[in-house]
Amino acid sequence: MHTETEIVSRTGHSYESVENYINEFANVYVLLSRGMPPPLIRRVTGRSTRLIRAYMELIDQYSGPEYAFRFSHLKQIFNMHNLKKNEQ
């Protein structure tokens, strides 16, 4: 529930890295919510099985109603990121 700026200051990662992590997580979340199996998500995203599983654990851990707004925001990030890709 932290902003990207807060994450950058807490972790020391660059803004671009944090943005990439969020985009990757949003991709996994949306693909899972659409019923895509993890092995296919791994192939589509090019990420490791271990990372996909870690993201799945986070999704399960934070799936309560108090995080619904954040997951809704992740869907928006997914849609905006894919619109940008299609425009290029």
C-alpha atoms as a PDB file:
ATOM      1  CA  MET A   1       0.000   0.000   0.000  1.00  0.00           C
ATOM      2  CA  HIS A   2       3.021   2.273  -0.382  1.00  0.00           C
ATOM      3  CA  THR A   3       3.552   4.703  -3.235  1.00  0.00           C
ATOM      4  CA  GLU A   4       6.314   4.095  -5.748  1.00  0.00           C
ATOM      5  CA  THR A   5       8.253   7.020  -4.267  1.00  0.00           C
ATOM      6  CA  GLU A   6       8.029   5.488  -0.782  1.00  0.00           C
ATOM      7  CA  ILE A   7       9.209   2.134  -2.121  1.00  0.00           C
ATOM      8  CA  VAL A   8      12.176   3.790  -3.858  1.00  0.00           C
ATOM      9  CA  SER A   9      13.225   5.568  -0.670  1.00  0.00           C
ATOM     10  CA  ARG A  10      12.755   2.468   1.511  1.00  0.00           C
ATOM     11  CA  THR A  11      14.551  -0.003  -0.777  1.00  0.00           C
ATOM     12  CA  GLY A  12      17.171   2.115  -2.516  1.00  0.00           C
ATOM     13  CA  HIS A  13      16.064   0.704  -5.866  1.00  0.00           C
ATOM     14  CA  SER A  14      15.694   3.070  -8.789  1.00  0.00           C
ATOM     15  CA  TYR A  15      12.283   4.391  -9.731  1.00  0.00           C
ATOM     16  CA  GLU A  16      12.523   2.507 -13.029  1.00  0.00           C
ATOM     17  CA  SER A  17      13.248  -0.771 -11.231  1.00  0.00           C
ATOM     18  CA  VAL A  18      10.323  -0.309  -8.865  1.00  0.00           C
ATOM     19  CA  GLU A  19       8.065   0.525 -11.795  1.00  0.00           C
ATOM     20  CA  ASN A  20       9.228  -2.647 -13.579  1.00  0.00           C
ATOM     21  CA  TYR A  21       8.582  -4.770 -10.470  1.00  0.00           C
ATOM     22  CA  ILE A  22       5.069  -3.354 -10.180  1.00  0.00           C
ATOM     23  CA  ASN A  23       4.376  -3.923 -13.881  1.00  0.00           C
ATOM     24  CA  GLU A  24       5.600  -7.525 -13.632  1.00  0.00           C
ATOM     25  CA  PHE A  25       3.491  -8.151 -10.546  1.00  0.00           C
ATOM     26  CA  ALA A  26       0.449  -6.595 -12.248  1.00  0.00           C
ATOM     27  CA  ASN A  27       0.994  -8.856 -15.272  1.00  0.00           C
ATOM     28  CA  VAL A  28       1.085 -11.980 -13.120  1.00  0.00           C
ATOM     29  CA  TYR A  29      -1.928 -10.858 -11.088  1.00  0.00           C
ATOM     30  CA  VAL A  30      -4.104 -10.128 -14.118  1.00  0.00           C
ATOM     31  CA  LEU A  31      -3.084 -13.276 -15.978  1.00  0.00           C
ATOM     32  CA  LEU A  32      -3.856 -15.382 -12.895  1.00  0.00           C
ATOM     33  CA  SER A  33      -7.187 -13.633 -12.411  1.00  0.00           C
ATOM     34  CA  ARG A  34      -8.037 -14.469 -16.027  1.00  0.00           C
ATOM     35  CA  GLY A  35      -7.425 -18.145 -15.302  1.00  0.00           C
ATOM     36  CA  MET A  36      -4.049 -18.570 -16.972  1.00  0.00           C
ATOM     37  CA  PRO A  37      -2.075 -21.424 -15.411  1.00  0.00           C
ATOM     38  CA  PRO A  38       1.279 -20.572 -13.784  1.00  0.00           C
ATOM     39  CA  PRO A  39       3.430 -22.510 -16.309  1.00  0.00           C
ATOM     40  CA  LEU A  40       1.918 -20.495 -19.139  1.00  0.00           C
ATOM     41  CA  ILE A  41       2.344 -17.235 -17.188  1.00  0.00           C
ATOM     42  CA  ARG A  42       6.008 -18.149 -16.827  1.00  0.00           C
ATOM     43  CA  ARG A  43       6.325 -18.619 -20.576  1.00  0.00           C
ATOM     44  CA  VAL A  44       4.409 -15.450 -21.449  1.00  0.00           C
ATOM     45  CA  THR A  45       6.254 -13.223 -18.986  1.00  0.00           C
ATOM     46  CA  GLY A  46       9.675 -14.835 -19.328  1.00  0.00           C
ATOM     47  CA  ARG A  47      10.011 -14.892 -15.536  1.00  0.00           C
ATOM     48  CA  SER A  48      11.122 -17.813 -13.419  1.00  0.00           C
ATOM     49  CA  THR A  49       8.780 -20.322 -11.836  1.00  0.00           C
ATOM     50  CA  ARG A  50      10.155 -19.246  -8.473  1.00  0.00           C
ATOM     51  CA  LEU A  51       9.226 -15.596  -9.068  1.00  0.00           C
ATOM     52  CA  ILE A  52       5.753 -16.512 -10.342  1.00  0.00           C
ATOM     53  CA  ARG A  53       5.202 -18.595  -7.193  1.00  0.00           C
ATOM     54  CA  ALA A  54       6.434 -15.759  -4.981  1.00  0.00           C
ATOM     55  CA  TYR A  55       3.984 -13.378  -6.667  1.00  0.00           C
ATOM     56  CA  MET A  56       1.193 -15.948  -6.248  1.00  0.00           C
ATOM     57  CA  GLU A  57       1.955 -16.182  -2.535  1.00  0.00           C
ATOM     58  CA  LEU A  58       1.772 -12.398  -2.216  1.00  0.00           C
ATOM     59  CA  ILE A  59      -1.522 -12.361  -4.098  1.00  0.00           C
ATOM     60  CA  ASP A  60      -2.935 -15.000  -1.749  1.00  0.00           C
ATOM     61  CA  GLN A  61      -1.576 -13.245   1.332  1.00  0.00           C
ATOM     62  CA  TYR A  62      -3.114  -9.896   0.397  1.00  0.00           C
ATOM     63  CA  SER A  63      -6.345 -11.089  -1.196  1.00  0.00           C
ATOM     64  CA  GLY A  64      -8.556  -9.689   1.562  1.00  0.00           C
ATOM     65  CA  PRO A  65     -11.090  -6.920   1.000  1.00  0.00           C
ATOM     66  CA  GLU A  66      -8.801  -4.320   2.560  1.00  0.00           C
ATOM     67  CA  TYR A  67      -6.505  -4.685  -0.473  1.00  0.00           C
ATOM     68  CA  ALA A  68      -9.202  -4.698  -3.163  1.00  0.00           C
ATOM     69  CA  PHE A  69      -8.433  -1.093  -4.098  1.00  0.00           C
ATOM     70  CA  ARG A  70      -4.747  -1.868  -4.606  1.00  0.00           C
ATOM     71  CA  PHE A  71      -5.505  -4.901  -6.776  1.00  0.00           C
ATOM     72  CA  SER A  72      -7.936  -2.789  -8.785  1.00  0.00           C
ATOM     73  CA  HIS A  73      -5.112  -0.308  -9.270  1.00  0.00           C
ATOM     74  CA  LEU A  74      -2.850  -3.141 -10.466  1.00  0.00           C
ATOM     75  CA  LYS A  75      -5.419  -3.987 -13.155  1.00  0.00           C
ATOM     76  CA  GLN A  76      -5.301  -0.362 -14.302  1.00  0.00           C
ATOM     77  CA  ILE A  77      -1.501  -0.478 -14.391  1.00  0.00           C
ATOM     78  CA  PHE A  78      -1.687  -3.649 -16.488  1.00  0.00           C
ATOM     79  CA  ASN A  79      -4.103  -2.034 -18.941  1.00  0.00           C
ATOM     80  CA  MET A  80      -2.103   1.200 -19.243  1.00  0.00           C
ATOM     81  CA  HIS A  81       1.181  -0.677 -19.667  1.00  0.00           C
ATOM     82  CA  ASN A  82      -0.268  -2.843 -22.431  1.00  0.00           C
ATOM     83  CA  LEU A  83      -1.822   0.167 -24.183  1.00  0.00           C
ATOM     84  CA  LYS A  84       1.605   1.816 -24.255  1.00  0.00           C
ATOM     85  CA  LYS A  85       3.135  -1.371 -25.696  1.00  0.00           C
ATOM     86  CA  ASN A  86       0.491  -1.512 -28.442  1.00  0.00           C
ATOM     87  CA  GLU A  87       1.050   2.139 -29.383  1.00  0.00           C
ATOM     88  CA  GLN A  88       4.761   1.606 -29.963  1.00  0.00           C
END
